[in-house]
Amino acid sequence: MHREYAQSVLLIAASVVAGTVAWSGHVLLLPVALTFPVLWTLARTRLTAASVSAGYFLAASRGLPQGVATFYASDLGPGLLLWLCASLGFVGVHATLWTRNERARPFWYLAAALLMAIPPFGIIGWAHPITAAGVLFPGSGWWGLLATTAGLMGLVTRMWPAVAIVLSGFWLWSAAFWTDLRLPETWRGVDLELGASLGRDTSMIRHRDLIATVMAQASGDARTIVLPESAFGFWTPTVERLWVRALQGTDVTVIAGAAIVDAGGYDNVLVALTSGGAKILYRERMPVPGSMWQPWRPLLGASGGARAHLFENPLATVAGSRIAPLICYEQLIVWPVLQSMLHDPDIIVAVGNGWWTKGTSIVAIQRASTAAWARLFAKPLIFSFNT
């Protein structure tokens, strides 16, 4: 009994280390997440499997309590509650599908991985080990995704040491020859450091400052400038006229985040602007659950909150390129990027407004996760974040 207890403690401790290291914000460390299925399969009881799952997930999402406290200007209480609630899906799926049957285990783990990749469980499917595919098999696309899936299944069998050695070989080879993808010369992503004021300060002074930033970036070869989520604030005819007027006489295209508000709630969108006018380029498929997307409101007869356009508009066309847009939270989960990759875009455009993540690794994790997907499918990646 003492030996079994000690083994359980070691497995849980190892899962915490795996979640912490893999999701530290360094793209080349993502394959450490493949430790999780091994620890899951080594669990002797369902309770231990649940504890291992909780340790991994809570460690991977450790920045959430502080981020929520900063966002709501509150103490850590609400953040801790949300952190624990978010873990229930991951823990519940992996605890329920854990089995002692060694022959069935790979298929049950595959089922768990699939459930955590697509809605409804995929809505909170952070820290998915499949993200490591971009590091293990860069440039291999769907074949690399399939190979990583097969590897994950192999890691929950008796053959896991041999599978781990093979995957480690691919990891080391990839790390030794890792290079960033070349960006299109005419595209430029702009990072801002405007804190919580971005999207909340809707004054003409702020818009003129952003226009000046765009013009400075467009002074060279760049002709498509990407600004972060919420850069335009509330999208109104006045804002549109101001920007269109500022772009007169140029061939510059500006892509930036905005909110379109109506009586029922709002859409978190990307807007494309040129001297000829504006168009709504993209409506966010998966806003942040809880703080933005609040599906319980209609059930209570209330309005408000961001709308989720789950499987809509996975691709957009702008400046002659087909882009896969990803706004903030969508960079942490699996299905939005894979849905977009089905349409073979030319570029991935990832934007965010991460001022509330200060002091955490959340933005770094978003960048690492998106970079891994871009590397897997060999797609140029444009980032634009506000911190």
Protein backbone atom coordinates (compact mmCIF):
# COMPACT_ATOMS: atom_id res chain seq x y z
CA MET A 1 0.00 0.00 0.00
CA HIS A 2 2.83 2.40 0.89
CA ARG A 3 4.60 1.60 -2.39
CA GLU A 4 1.44 2.19 -4.42
CA TYR A 5 0.84 5.49 -2.63
CA ALA A 6 4.42 6.61 -3.29
CA GLN A 7 4.09 5.70 -6.97
CA SER A 8 0.89 7.75 -7.26
CA VAL A 9 2.57 10.75 -5.67
CA LEU A 10 5.50 10.48 -8.08
CA LEU A 11 3.17 10.25 -11.09
CA ILE A 12 1.24 13.32 -9.98
CA ALA A 13 4.45 15.26 -9.33
CA ALA A 14 5.77 14.26 -12.75
CA SER A 15 2.53 15.41 -14.40
CA VAL A 16 2.86 18.82 -12.74
CA VAL A 17 6.43 19.13 -14.01
CA ALA A 18 5.36 18.06 -17.51
CA GLY A 19 2.54 20.61 -17.63
CA THR A 20 4.80 23.37 -16.33
CA VAL A 21 7.70 22.73 -18.70
CA ALA A 22 5.72 21.92 -21.85
CA TRP A 23 3.54 24.99 -21.51
CA SER A 24 6.21 27.47 -20.47
CA GLY A 25 5.94 29.46 -23.71
CA HIS A 26 8.95 27.94 -25.51
CA VAL A 27 7.84 26.21 -28.69
CA LEU A 28 10.64 23.64 -28.69
CA LEU A 29 9.56 22.40 -25.24
CA LEU A 30 6.05 21.46 -26.39
CA PRO A 31 6.96 17.77 -26.88
CA VAL A 32 7.36 17.47 -23.10
CA ALA A 33 3.54 17.35 -23.14
CA LEU A 34 3.86 13.83 -24.58
CA THR A 35 4.89 12.77 -21.08
CA PHE A 36 1.26 13.09 -20.01
CA PRO A 37 -0.16 10.01 -21.82
CA VAL A 38 2.69 7.91 -20.40
CA LEU A 39 1.90 9.04 -16.85
CA TRP A 40 -1.82 8.52 -17.50
CA THR A 41 -1.25 4.92 -18.57
CA LEU A 42 1.07 4.19 -15.62
CA ALA A 43 -1.69 5.07 -13.16
CA ARG A 44 -2.91 2.01 -11.27
CA THR A 45 -6.34 3.37 -10.39
CA ARG A 46 -8.91 5.71 -11.91
CA LEU A 47 -8.41 8.12 -9.01
CA THR A 48 -4.69 8.31 -9.75
CA ALA A 49 -5.43 8.85 -13.45
CA ALA A 50 -7.75 11.71 -12.51
CA SER A 51 -5.10 13.21 -10.22
CA VAL A 52 -2.43 12.94 -12.91
CA SER A 53 -4.77 14.67 -15.37
CA ALA A 54 -5.51 17.42 -12.87
CA GLY A 55 -1.83 17.96 -12.09
CA TYR A 56 -0.94 18.29 -15.77
CA PHE A 57 -3.83 20.57 -16.71
CA LEU A 58 -3.64 22.84 -13.68
CA ALA A 59 0.12 23.26 -14.13
CA ALA A 60 -0.28 24.03 -17.84
CA SER A 61 -2.98 26.65 -17.16
CA ARG A 62 -1.34 28.07 -14.04
CA GLY A 63 -1.50 31.65 -15.30
CA LEU A 64 -5.30 31.70 -15.33
CA PRO A 65 -5.99 32.72 -11.68
CA GLN A 66 -3.67 35.72 -11.83
CA GLY A 67 -4.93 36.69 -15.29
CA VAL A 68 -8.57 36.62 -14.18
CA ALA A 69 -7.73 38.63 -11.05
CA THR A 70 -6.03 41.28 -13.21
CA PHE A 71 -8.89 41.34 -15.75
CA TYR A 72 -11.58 41.86 -13.12
CA ALA A 73 -9.38 43.86 -10.71
CA SER A 74 -10.27 41.37 -7.97
CA ASP A 75 -8.52 38.99 -5.62
CA LEU A 76 -7.46 35.49 -6.67
CA GLY A 77 -10.74 33.87 -5.55
CA PRO A 78 -12.72 34.10 -8.82
CA GLY A 79 -9.63 33.13 -10.82
CA LEU A 80 -9.01 30.06 -8.68
CA LEU A 81 -12.65 29.01 -9.04
CA LEU A 82 -12.56 29.42 -12.83
CA TRP A 83 -9.23 27.59 -12.97
CA LEU A 84 -10.65 24.60 -11.12
CA CYS A 85 -13.91 24.61 -13.11
CA ALA A 86 -12.01 24.70 -16.40
CA SER A 87 -10.04 21.62 -15.37
CA LEU A 88 -13.17 19.53 -14.81
CA GLY A 89 -13.65 18.78 -18.51
CA PHE A 90 -10.08 17.60 -19.06
CA VAL A 91 -9.97 15.63 -15.82
CA GLY A 92 -13.44 14.15 -16.31
CA VAL A 93 -12.75 12.93 -19.84
CA HIS A 94 -9.40 11.35 -19.01
CA ALA A 95 -10.62 9.81 -15.75
CA THR A 96 -13.73 8.35 -17.38
CA LEU A 97 -11.86 6.86 -20.34
CA TRP A 98 -8.96 5.45 -18.31
CA THR A 99 -8.98 1.65 -18.36
CA ARG A 100 -6.97 -1.29 -17.02
CA ASN A 101 -7.50 -3.14 -20.32
CA GLU A 102 -4.14 -2.76 -22.06
CA ARG A 103 -5.44 -3.71 -25.49
CA ALA A 104 -8.27 -1.19 -25.36
CA ARG A 105 -6.24 1.60 -23.77
CA PRO A 106 -4.83 3.16 -27.00
CA PHE A 107 -8.33 3.48 -28.44
CA TRP A 108 -9.75 4.96 -25.24
CA TYR A 109 -6.89 7.46 -25.14
CA LEU A 110 -7.53 8.32 -28.80
CA ALA A 111 -11.16 8.94 -27.89
CA ALA A 112 -10.07 11.23 -25.03
CA ALA A 113 -7.72 13.14 -27.34
CA LEU A 114 -10.46 13.59 -29.94
CA LEU A 115 -12.99 14.74 -27.34
CA MET A 116 -10.56 17.37 -26.04
CA ALA A 117 -9.86 18.61 -29.58
CA ILE A 118 -13.43 19.34 -30.76
CA PRO A 119 -16.49 20.98 -29.14
CA PRO A 120 -18.00 20.74 -26.66
CA PHE A 121 -15.04 19.53 -24.56
CA GLY A 122 -12.62 21.05 -27.05
CA ILE A 123 -13.89 24.49 -26.05
CA ILE A 124 -11.69 24.13 -22.96
CA GLY A 125 -9.17 21.81 -24.62
CA TRP A 126 -6.06 23.75 -23.60
CA ALA A 127 -2.64 22.15 -23.35
CA HIS A 128 -3.43 19.41 -25.86
CA PRO A 129 -0.36 17.18 -26.42
CA ILE A 130 -1.15 16.97 -30.16
CA THR A 131 0.15 20.55 -30.46
CA ALA A 132 3.66 19.09 -30.28
CA ALA A 133 3.20 17.74 -33.83
CA GLY A 134 4.59 20.98 -35.23
CA VAL A 135 7.86 20.47 -33.38
CA LEU A 136 8.18 16.74 -34.03
CA PHE A 137 7.28 16.80 -37.73
CA PRO A 138 7.66 20.35 -39.06
CA GLY A 139 6.38 20.89 -42.58
CA SER A 140 4.69 17.50 -42.78
CA GLY A 141 1.11 18.80 -42.50
CA TRP A 142 -1.67 16.28 -42.01
CA TRP A 143 0.76 13.34 -42.21
CA GLY A 144 2.67 14.79 -39.26
CA LEU A 145 -0.57 15.17 -37.34
CA LEU A 146 -1.41 11.53 -38.09
CA ALA A 147 2.07 10.39 -37.04
CA THR A 148 1.84 12.28 -33.76
CA THR A 149 -1.59 10.78 -33.10
CA ALA A 150 -0.15 7.32 -33.68
CA GLY A 151 2.70 8.20 -31.34
CA LEU A 152 0.28 9.28 -28.63
CA MET A 153 -1.52 5.95 -28.94
CA GLY A 154 1.80 4.11 -28.78
CA LEU A 155 2.74 5.95 -25.60
CA VAL A 156 -0.15 4.32 -23.71
CA THR A 157 0.96 0.77 -24.55
CA ARG A 158 3.68 -1.49 -23.14
CA MET A 159 5.82 -0.36 -26.05
CA TRP A 160 5.93 3.22 -24.72
CA PRO A 161 9.72 3.26 -24.01
CA ALA A 162 10.49 2.40 -27.65
CA VAL A 163 7.90 4.90 -28.93
CA ALA A 164 9.31 7.59 -26.62
CA ILE A 165 12.83 6.99 -27.95
CA VAL A 166 11.66 7.32 -31.56
CA LEU A 167 9.69 10.50 -30.86
CA SER A 168 12.65 11.93 -28.92
CA GLY A 169 14.82 11.34 -31.97
CA PHE A 170 12.45 13.36 -34.15
CA TRP A 171 12.34 16.05 -31.46
CA LEU A 172 16.13 16.38 -31.26
CA TRP A 173 16.48 16.40 -35.05
CA SER A 174 13.84 19.12 -35.35
CA ALA A 175 15.40 21.21 -32.58
CA ALA A 176 18.83 20.98 -34.20
CA PHE A 177 17.58 22.33 -37.52
CA TRP A 178 14.75 24.58 -36.32
CA THR A 179 14.31 27.79 -38.31
CA ASP A 180 11.54 30.34 -38.32
CA LEU A 181 9.36 30.48 -41.39
CA ARG A 182 10.04 33.39 -43.72
CA LEU A 183 7.36 36.08 -43.54
CA PRO A 184 5.86 37.75 -46.61
CA GLU A 185 7.78 40.97 -47.21
CA THR A 186 4.63 43.03 -47.71
CA TRP A 187 3.00 41.97 -44.42
CA ARG A 188 3.81 43.44 -41.02
CA GLY A 189 2.40 42.55 -37.61
CA VAL A 190 2.54 45.34 -35.04
CA ASP A 191 2.88 44.66 -31.30
CA LEU A 192 1.61 47.36 -28.97
CA GLU A 193 2.18 48.04 -25.27
CA LEU A 194 -0.91 50.07 -24.44
CA GLY A 195 -2.20 47.92 -21.59
CA ALA A 196 -5.87 47.94 -20.67
CA SER A 197 -6.50 51.18 -22.55
CA LEU A 198 -6.52 49.48 -25.96
CA GLY A 199 -10.12 49.12 -27.05
CA ARG A 200 -11.33 51.18 -24.10
CA ASP A 201 -9.80 54.50 -25.06
CA THR A 202 -11.91 55.37 -28.12
CA SER A 203 -10.78 58.99 -28.42
CA MET A 204 -9.74 60.53 -31.71
CA ILE A 205 -6.29 61.06 -30.22
CA ARG A 206 -5.87 57.28 -29.77
CA HIS A 207 -7.03 56.59 -33.32
CA ARG A 208 -4.68 59.21 -34.72
CA ASP A 209 -1.81 57.65 -32.77
CA LEU A 210 -2.65 54.25 -34.26
CA ILE A 211 -2.87 55.77 -37.74
CA ALA A 212 0.59 57.28 -37.25
CA THR A 213 1.89 53.86 -36.17
CA VAL A 214 0.44 52.25 -39.30
CA MET A 215 1.92 54.90 -41.58
CA ALA A 216 5.33 54.48 -39.98
CA GLN A 217 5.18 50.71 -40.54
CA ALA A 218 4.07 51.24 -44.15
CA SER A 219 6.98 53.54 -44.96
CA GLY A 220 9.00 50.58 -46.28
CA ASP A 221 7.88 47.56 -48.28
CA ALA A 222 5.01 46.61 -45.96
CA ARG A 223 1.56 47.15 -47.45
CA THR A 224 -0.62 45.01 -45.19
CA ILE A 225 -0.41 46.09 -41.56
CA VAL A 226 -1.94 43.95 -38.79
CA LEU A 227 -2.94 45.54 -35.47
CA PRO A 228 -4.00 43.62 -32.34
CA GLU A 229 -7.39 42.46 -31.15
CA SER A 230 -9.60 45.37 -30.00
CA ALA A 231 -7.36 48.00 -31.65
CA PHE A 232 -10.35 49.78 -33.24
CA GLY A 233 -12.50 49.50 -30.10
CA PHE A 234 -16.21 49.71 -30.92
CA TRP A 235 -16.70 49.64 -34.67
CA THR A 236 -18.80 52.62 -35.77
CA PRO A 237 -19.33 54.58 -39.00
CA THR A 238 -17.31 57.44 -37.47
CA VAL A 239 -14.29 55.20 -36.87
CA GLU A 240 -14.59 53.79 -40.38
CA ARG A 241 -14.69 57.25 -41.99
CA LEU A 242 -11.70 58.43 -39.97
CA TRP A 243 -9.52 55.50 -41.03
CA VAL A 244 -10.64 55.43 -44.67
CA ARG A 245 -9.88 59.13 -44.95
CA ALA A 246 -6.44 58.58 -43.41
CA LEU A 247 -5.65 55.87 -45.96
CA GLN A 248 -6.58 57.96 -48.99
CA GLY A 249 -3.82 58.08 -51.56
CA THR A 250 -2.12 54.91 -50.25
CA ASP A 251 -2.25 51.23 -51.20
CA VAL A 252 -2.08 50.18 -47.55
CA THR A 253 -4.45 47.57 -46.07
CA VAL A 254 -5.01 47.61 -42.31
CA ILE A 255 -6.32 44.56 -40.44
CA ALA A 256 -7.32 45.11 -36.82
CA GLY A 257 -9.65 43.89 -34.13
CA ALA A 258 -12.91 45.56 -33.17
CA ALA A 259 -16.22 44.88 -31.44
CA ILE A 260 -19.57 45.13 -33.22
CA VAL A 261 -22.27 45.69 -30.63
CA ASP A 262 -26.04 45.29 -30.92
CA ALA A 263 -28.96 44.72 -28.57
CA GLY A 264 -28.27 41.00 -28.28
CA GLY A 265 -24.57 41.14 -27.53
CA TYR A 266 -21.44 41.65 -29.60
CA ASP A 267 -19.13 40.06 -32.12
CA ASN A 268 -15.37 40.11 -31.67
CA VAL A 269 -14.15 40.70 -35.22
CA LEU A 270 -11.28 41.52 -37.51
CA VAL A 271 -11.85 44.43 -39.87
CA ALA A 272 -9.96 45.05 -43.12
CA LEU A 273 -9.56 48.70 -44.14
CA THR A 274 -8.30 50.27 -47.36
CA SER A 275 -8.70 53.68 -48.97
CA GLY A 276 -11.73 52.24 -50.74
CA GLY A 277 -13.62 51.29 -47.59
CA ALA A 278 -13.94 48.63 -44.90
CA LYS A 279 -15.22 45.09 -44.61
CA ILE A 280 -15.74 42.68 -41.75
CA LEU A 281 -13.08 40.08 -42.40
CA TYR A 282 -13.71 37.61 -39.61
CA ARG A 283 -16.03 36.95 -36.68
CA GLU A 284 -14.41 35.11 -33.80
CA ARG A 285 -15.36 31.45 -33.66
CA MET A 286 -14.53 30.91 -30.00
CA PRO A 287 -14.40 33.88 -27.61
CA VAL A 288 -13.05 33.30 -24.11
CA PRO A 289 -15.63 31.17 -22.22
CA GLY A 290 -16.96 32.89 -19.13
CA SER A 291 -15.53 36.37 -19.49
CA MET A 292 -16.67 36.89 -23.13
CA TRP A 293 -18.83 34.00 -24.27
CA GLN A 294 -21.67 33.45 -21.81
CA PRO A 295 -24.12 30.95 -23.35
CA TRP A 296 -26.26 30.78 -20.23
CA ARG A 297 -27.48 34.37 -20.65
CA PRO A 298 -30.28 33.58 -23.16
CA LEU A 299 -31.50 30.77 -20.89
CA LEU A 300 -31.91 33.35 -18.13
CA GLY A 301 -33.67 35.79 -20.43
CA ALA A 302 -30.69 38.13 -20.46
CA SER A 303 -28.69 39.57 -23.34
CA GLY A 304 -25.05 40.48 -23.71
CA GLY A 305 -21.77 38.65 -24.06
CA ALA A 306 -19.81 37.73 -27.15
CA ARG A 307 -21.29 35.45 -29.77
CA ALA A 308 -19.44 32.26 -30.74
CA HIS A 309 -19.42 31.57 -34.48
CA LEU A 310 -18.11 28.06 -33.82
CA PHE A 311 -17.53 26.61 -37.30
CA GLU A 312 -18.11 29.71 -39.42
CA ASN A 313 -15.61 31.70 -41.54
CA PRO A 314 -12.46 29.58 -41.06
CA LEU A 315 -10.86 31.44 -43.95
CA ALA A 316 -10.80 35.05 -45.17
CA THR A 317 -9.37 36.73 -48.24
CA VAL A 318 -7.57 40.06 -48.01
CA ALA A 319 -4.83 41.81 -50.00
CA GLY A 320 -4.78 38.94 -52.47
CA SER A 321 -4.04 36.32 -49.79
CA ARG A 322 -6.14 33.63 -48.13
CA ILE A 323 -5.65 33.96 -44.37
CA ALA A 324 -6.47 31.77 -41.39
CA PRO A 325 -7.48 34.25 -38.65
CA LEU A 326 -7.04 33.31 -34.99
CA ILE A 327 -8.08 35.73 -32.25
CA CYS A 328 -6.61 35.30 -28.78
CA TYR A 329 -8.26 32.28 -27.11
CA GLU A 330 -8.50 30.41 -30.41
CA GLN A 331 -4.72 30.06 -30.32
CA LEU A 332 -4.91 27.88 -27.19
CA ILE A 333 -7.29 25.22 -28.51
CA VAL A 334 -7.09 22.75 -31.38
CA TRP A 335 -10.09 22.79 -33.66
CA PRO A 336 -10.10 26.40 -34.96
CA VAL A 337 -6.63 26.13 -36.49
CA LEU A 338 -7.25 22.64 -37.89
CA GLN A 339 -10.55 23.76 -39.40
CA SER A 340 -8.74 26.64 -41.08
CA MET A 341 -5.95 24.36 -42.33
CA LEU A 342 -8.54 22.23 -44.16
CA HIS A 343 -8.89 25.22 -46.52
CA ASP A 344 -5.13 25.52 -47.16
CA PRO A 345 -4.62 29.21 -46.33
CA ASP A 346 -1.59 31.21 -47.46
CA ILE A 347 -0.93 32.88 -44.11
CA ILE A 348 -1.94 32.49 -40.46
CA VAL A 349 -2.83 35.80 -38.80
CA ALA A 350 -2.85 35.60 -34.99
CA VAL A 351 -3.89 38.61 -32.93
CA GLY A 352 -4.54 39.14 -29.24
CA ASN A 353 -5.07 41.70 -26.50
CA GLY A 354 -3.16 40.19 -23.60
CA TRP A 355 -2.75 43.15 -21.24
CA TRP A 356 -4.47 41.15 -18.48
CA THR A 357 -1.88 38.34 -18.70
CA LYS A 358 0.95 40.47 -17.30
CA GLY A 359 3.13 38.40 -14.99
CA THR A 360 1.98 35.11 -16.56
CA SER A 361 3.14 33.00 -19.50
CA ILE A 362 -0.24 33.01 -21.26
CA VAL A 363 0.76 35.19 -24.24
CA ALA A 364 4.02 33.25 -24.64
CA ILE A 365 2.02 30.01 -24.67
CA GLN A 366 -0.34 31.43 -27.30
CA ARG A 367 2.62 32.37 -29.46
CA ALA A 368 4.33 28.99 -29.00
CA SER A 369 1.18 27.01 -29.75
CA THR A 370 0.37 29.00 -32.89
CA ALA A 371 3.99 28.84 -34.04
CA ALA A 372 3.91 25.05 -33.72
CA TRP A 373 0.80 24.78 -35.91
CA ALA A 374 2.27 27.17 -38.45
CA ARG A 375 5.47 25.12 -38.55
CA LEU A 376 3.55 21.85 -38.95
CA PHE A 377 1.71 23.13 -42.02
CA ALA A 378 4.61 25.31 -43.26
CA LYS A 379 2.51 28.48 -43.21
CA PRO A 380 3.89 31.99 -42.71
CA LEU A 381 2.68 33.46 -39.41
CA ILE A 382 1.86 37.07 -38.60
CA PHE A 383 1.55 37.99 -34.91
CA SER A 384 0.08 41.17 -33.46
CA PHE A 385 -0.40 41.45 -29.69
CA ASN A 386 -1.09 44.19 -27.19
CA THR A 387 0.38 43.80 -23.73
